[in-house]
Amino acid sequence: MQEKYPWRRTIKRPIPTLVKPQIVRDFSLGLVYPMKKGVEEAREGARLSRLPPTGHTHEEIVLDRQKLIKKMRLDKKIGFDLDKMDYKYDE
């Protein structure tokens, strides 16, 4: 099929540099924004747990997410090595 329809192949576009750390955090912790000390203190001040209910506290959920990412081949589509938590190619 690839020979018959050469334009249907996947086009690999580089991920913008600003987005890369967010994807690594999302794939490794299930959280896009970084947890800085100020955020933790603000959560405590609001009478919430210091860390949100993400990969910080529920590691099994992160492992389930990573299994889904691998099954959907999302990591391959964006050129991400899920085992190393790094990009296979850079801009």
N, C-alpha and C. Protein backbone atom coordinates (compact mmCIF):
# COMPACT_ATOMS: atom_id res chain seq x y z
N MET A 1 0.83 -1.20 0.00
CA MET A 1 0.00 0.00 0.00
C MET A 1 0.87 1.25 0.00
N GLN A 2 2.00 1.17 0.65
CA GLN A 2 2.90 2.32 0.72
C GLN A 2 3.36 2.73 -0.68
N GLU A 3 3.63 1.72 -1.57
CA GLU A 3 4.08 2.01 -2.92
C GLU A 3 2.96 2.65 -3.75
N LYS A 4 1.75 2.21 -3.49
CA LYS A 4 0.63 2.71 -4.27
C LYS A 4 0.22 4.12 -3.86
N TYR A 5 0.32 4.41 -2.56
CA TYR A 5 -0.06 5.72 -2.03
C TYR A 5 1.10 6.32 -1.23
N PRO A 6 2.14 6.79 -1.89
CA PRO A 6 3.32 7.27 -1.15
C PRO A 6 3.04 8.50 -0.29
N TRP A 7 2.02 9.26 -0.59
CA TRP A 7 1.74 10.48 0.19
C TRP A 7 1.01 10.19 1.49
N ARG A 8 0.62 8.94 1.73
CA ARG A 8 -0.08 8.59 2.96
C ARG A 8 0.85 8.25 4.11
N ARG A 9 2.14 8.34 3.90
CA ARG A 9 3.07 8.01 4.98
C ARG A 9 3.02 9.10 6.05
N THR A 10 3.44 8.73 7.24
CA THR A 10 3.44 9.66 8.36
C THR A 10 4.50 10.73 8.15
N ILE A 11 4.13 11.96 8.38
CA ILE A 11 5.07 13.07 8.29
C ILE A 11 5.55 13.37 9.71
N LYS A 12 6.86 13.27 9.92
CA LYS A 12 7.40 13.54 11.24
C LYS A 12 7.73 15.02 11.35
N ARG A 13 7.00 15.70 12.19
CA ARG A 13 7.26 17.10 12.45
C ARG A 13 7.95 17.22 13.79
N PRO A 14 8.95 18.06 13.87
CA PRO A 14 9.63 18.20 15.17
C PRO A 14 8.72 18.82 16.22
N ILE A 15 8.85 18.35 17.44
CA ILE A 15 8.09 18.89 18.57
C ILE A 15 8.76 20.21 18.97
N PRO A 16 8.00 21.28 19.18
CA PRO A 16 8.62 22.54 19.61
C PRO A 16 9.39 22.35 20.92
N THR A 17 10.52 23.02 21.02
CA THR A 17 11.39 22.89 22.19
C THR A 17 10.67 23.22 23.49
N LEU A 18 9.77 24.20 23.47
CA LEU A 18 9.06 24.59 24.69
C LEU A 18 8.10 23.52 25.18
N VAL A 19 7.65 22.67 24.29
CA VAL A 19 6.66 21.65 24.64
C VAL A 19 7.32 20.37 25.16
N LYS A 20 8.56 20.12 24.78
CA LYS A 20 9.23 18.87 25.13
C LYS A 20 9.25 18.57 26.64
N PRO A 21 9.63 19.52 27.50
CA PRO A 21 9.62 19.21 28.94
C PRO A 21 8.22 18.88 29.46
N GLN A 22 7.21 19.53 28.89
CA GLN A 22 5.84 19.27 29.32
C GLN A 22 5.41 17.85 28.96
N ILE A 23 5.81 17.38 27.80
CA ILE A 23 5.47 16.02 27.39
C ILE A 23 6.17 15.00 28.29
N VAL A 24 7.44 15.26 28.61
CA VAL A 24 8.17 14.35 29.50
C VAL A 24 7.49 14.29 30.86
N ARG A 25 7.09 15.44 31.41
CA ARG A 25 6.39 15.45 32.71
C ARG A 25 5.06 14.74 32.61
N ASP A 26 4.34 14.98 31.52
CA ASP A 26 3.03 14.34 31.37
C ASP A 26 3.16 12.83 31.26
N PHE A 27 4.12 12.35 30.48
CA PHE A 27 4.30 10.91 30.30
C PHE A 27 4.89 10.24 31.54
N SER A 28 5.66 10.98 32.34
CA SER A 28 6.30 10.36 33.51
C SER A 28 5.52 10.56 34.80
N LEU A 29 4.74 11.65 34.90
CA LEU A 29 4.01 11.92 36.15
C LEU A 29 2.51 12.11 35.95
N GLY A 30 2.09 12.29 34.72
CA GLY A 30 0.67 12.57 34.49
C GLY A 30 0.32 14.01 34.85
N LEU A 31 1.33 14.88 34.80
CA LEU A 31 1.15 16.27 35.21
C LEU A 31 1.95 17.14 34.26
N VAL A 32 1.32 18.13 33.66
CA VAL A 32 2.00 18.96 32.67
C VAL A 32 2.84 20.06 33.31
N TYR A 33 2.32 20.71 34.33
CA TYR A 33 3.07 21.81 34.92
C TYR A 33 4.02 21.30 36.01
N PRO A 34 5.15 21.99 36.20
CA PRO A 34 6.10 21.54 37.23
C PRO A 34 5.58 21.84 38.64
N MET A 35 5.88 20.96 39.57
CA MET A 35 5.49 21.17 40.97
C MET A 35 6.63 21.89 41.69
N LYS A 36 6.49 23.20 41.80
CA LYS A 36 7.50 23.99 42.48
C LYS A 36 7.09 24.18 43.94
N LYS A 37 8.01 24.62 44.72
CA LYS A 37 7.76 24.79 46.15
C LYS A 37 6.57 25.74 46.41
N GLY A 38 6.48 26.80 45.62
CA GLY A 38 5.37 27.75 45.78
C GLY A 38 4.01 27.11 45.55
N VAL A 39 3.94 26.21 44.58
CA VAL A 39 2.68 25.52 44.29
C VAL A 39 2.32 24.59 45.45
N GLU A 40 3.34 23.89 45.97
CA GLU A 40 3.09 22.99 47.10
C GLU A 40 2.61 23.78 48.32
N GLU A 41 3.22 24.93 48.58
CA GLU A 41 2.80 25.75 49.72
C GLU A 41 1.39 26.30 49.52
N ALA A 42 1.07 26.70 48.29
CA ALA A 42 -0.28 27.20 48.01
C ALA A 42 -1.32 26.10 48.20
N ARG A 43 -0.99 24.89 47.81
CA ARG A 43 -1.91 23.76 48.01
C ARG A 43 -2.13 23.52 49.50
N GLU A 44 -1.04 23.58 50.28
CA GLU A 44 -1.17 23.39 51.72
C GLU A 44 -2.03 24.49 52.33
N GLY A 45 -1.83 25.72 51.86
CA GLY A 45 -2.62 26.85 52.36
C GLY A 45 -4.10 26.71 52.06
N ALA A 46 -4.42 26.03 50.98
CA ALA A 46 -5.82 25.79 50.61
C ALA A 46 -6.36 24.51 51.24
N ARG A 47 -5.60 23.94 52.17
CA ARG A 47 -5.95 22.71 52.88
C ARG A 47 -6.09 21.50 51.95
N LEU A 48 -5.24 21.49 50.93
CA LEU A 48 -5.15 20.33 50.04
C LEU A 48 -3.87 19.58 50.38
N SER A 49 -3.76 18.38 49.88
CA SER A 49 -2.51 17.66 50.09
C SER A 49 -1.39 18.40 49.37
N ARG A 50 -0.20 18.30 49.93
CA ARG A 50 0.95 19.03 49.38
C ARG A 50 1.21 18.66 47.91
N LEU A 51 1.03 17.41 47.57
CA LEU A 51 1.20 16.94 46.19
C LEU A 51 -0.16 16.53 45.62
N PRO A 52 -0.40 16.85 44.35
CA PRO A 52 -1.70 16.48 43.74
C PRO A 52 -1.79 14.98 43.51
N PRO A 53 -3.00 14.48 43.34
CA PRO A 53 -3.18 13.04 43.10
C PRO A 53 -2.80 12.67 41.67
N THR A 54 -1.51 12.71 41.39
CA THR A 54 -0.98 12.36 40.07
C THR A 54 0.09 11.30 40.27
N GLY A 55 1.04 11.25 39.38
CA GLY A 55 2.13 10.29 39.49
C GLY A 55 3.00 10.50 40.70
N HIS A 56 2.88 11.68 41.31
CA HIS A 56 3.62 11.94 42.54
C HIS A 56 3.18 10.99 43.65
N THR A 57 1.90 10.67 43.67
CA THR A 57 1.36 9.84 44.75
C THR A 57 0.81 8.50 44.28
N HIS A 58 0.51 8.36 42.99
CA HIS A 58 -0.08 7.13 42.46
C HIS A 58 0.75 6.61 41.29
N GLU A 59 1.81 5.91 41.58
CA GLU A 59 2.72 5.42 40.54
C GLU A 59 2.05 4.40 39.62
N GLU A 60 1.13 3.63 40.14
CA GLU A 60 0.47 2.61 39.31
C GLU A 60 -0.35 3.23 38.18
N ILE A 61 -0.89 4.42 38.41
CA ILE A 61 -1.65 5.10 37.37
C ILE A 61 -0.73 5.53 36.23
N VAL A 62 0.45 6.00 36.59
CA VAL A 62 1.43 6.40 35.57
C VAL A 62 1.82 5.20 34.71
N LEU A 63 2.02 4.06 35.34
CA LEU A 63 2.38 2.86 34.58
C LEU A 63 1.25 2.45 33.64
N ASP A 64 0.00 2.59 34.09
CA ASP A 64 -1.16 2.29 33.23
C ASP A 64 -1.21 3.26 32.05
N ARG A 65 -0.95 4.54 32.31
CA ARG A 65 -0.94 5.54 31.24
C ARG A 65 0.14 5.22 30.22
N GLN A 66 1.31 4.83 30.70
CA GLN A 66 2.41 4.52 29.80
C GLN A 66 2.08 3.30 28.94
N LYS A 67 1.37 2.33 29.50
CA LYS A 67 0.94 1.17 28.71
C LYS A 67 -0.01 1.61 27.60
N LEU A 68 -0.94 2.52 27.93
CA LEU A 68 -1.88 3.03 26.92
C LEU A 68 -1.14 3.80 25.83
N ILE A 69 -0.17 4.62 26.24
CA ILE A 69 0.60 5.40 25.27
C ILE A 69 1.33 4.47 24.31
N LYS A 70 1.89 3.39 24.85
CA LYS A 70 2.59 2.42 24.00
C LYS A 70 1.62 1.68 23.08
N LYS A 71 0.46 1.29 23.60
CA LYS A 71 -0.51 0.57 22.77
C LYS A 71 -1.04 1.45 21.64
N MET A 72 -1.22 2.73 21.92
CA MET A 72 -1.69 3.67 20.90
C MET A 72 -0.55 4.12 19.99
N ARG A 73 0.68 3.73 20.34
CA ARG A 73 1.88 4.10 19.60
C ARG A 73 2.07 5.62 19.52
N LEU A 74 1.55 6.32 20.49
CA LEU A 74 1.70 7.77 20.54
C LEU A 74 3.16 8.16 20.68
N ASP A 75 3.90 7.40 21.47
CA ASP A 75 5.32 7.70 21.64
C ASP A 75 6.07 7.61 20.31
N LYS A 76 5.75 6.62 19.50
CA LYS A 76 6.40 6.45 18.20
C LYS A 76 6.02 7.57 17.24
N LYS A 77 4.76 8.02 17.33
CA LYS A 77 4.29 9.06 16.42
C LYS A 77 4.99 10.40 16.65
N ILE A 78 5.41 10.66 17.87
CA ILE A 78 6.08 11.94 18.13
C ILE A 78 7.59 11.76 18.30
N GLY A 79 8.09 10.55 18.08
CA GLY A 79 9.52 10.32 18.17
C GLY A 79 10.05 10.35 19.58
N PHE A 80 9.32 9.73 20.50
CA PHE A 80 9.68 9.76 21.91
C PHE A 80 10.01 8.35 22.38
N ASP A 81 11.10 8.19 23.10
CA ASP A 81 11.46 6.90 23.67
C ASP A 81 10.92 6.86 25.09
N LEU A 82 9.85 6.13 25.30
CA LEU A 82 9.16 6.09 26.59
C LEU A 82 9.99 5.42 27.67
N ASP A 83 10.86 4.50 27.29
CA ASP A 83 11.70 3.82 28.28
C ASP A 83 12.80 4.74 28.81
N LYS A 84 13.37 5.56 27.94
CA LYS A 84 14.43 6.48 28.35
C LYS A 84 13.90 7.86 28.73
N MET A 85 12.63 8.12 28.45
CA MET A 85 12.01 9.43 28.65
C MET A 85 12.82 10.52 27.95
N ASP A 86 13.08 10.27 26.67
CA ASP A 86 13.87 11.20 25.87
C ASP A 86 13.41 11.12 24.41
N TYR A 87 13.72 12.14 23.65
CA TYR A 87 13.33 12.18 22.25
C TYR A 87 14.35 11.47 21.39
N LYS A 88 13.88 10.77 20.38
CA LYS A 88 14.77 10.02 19.49
C LYS A 88 15.47 10.95 18.52
N TYR A 89 14.82 12.02 18.16
CA TYR A 89 15.44 13.00 17.29
C TYR A 89 15.07 14.38 17.78
N ASP A 90 15.95 15.30 17.57
CA ASP A 90 15.72 16.69 17.98
C ASP A 90 15.65 17.57 16.75
N GLU A 91 15.25 18.81 17.02
CA GLU A 91 15.15 19.77 15.91
C GLU A 91 16.51 20.12 15.39
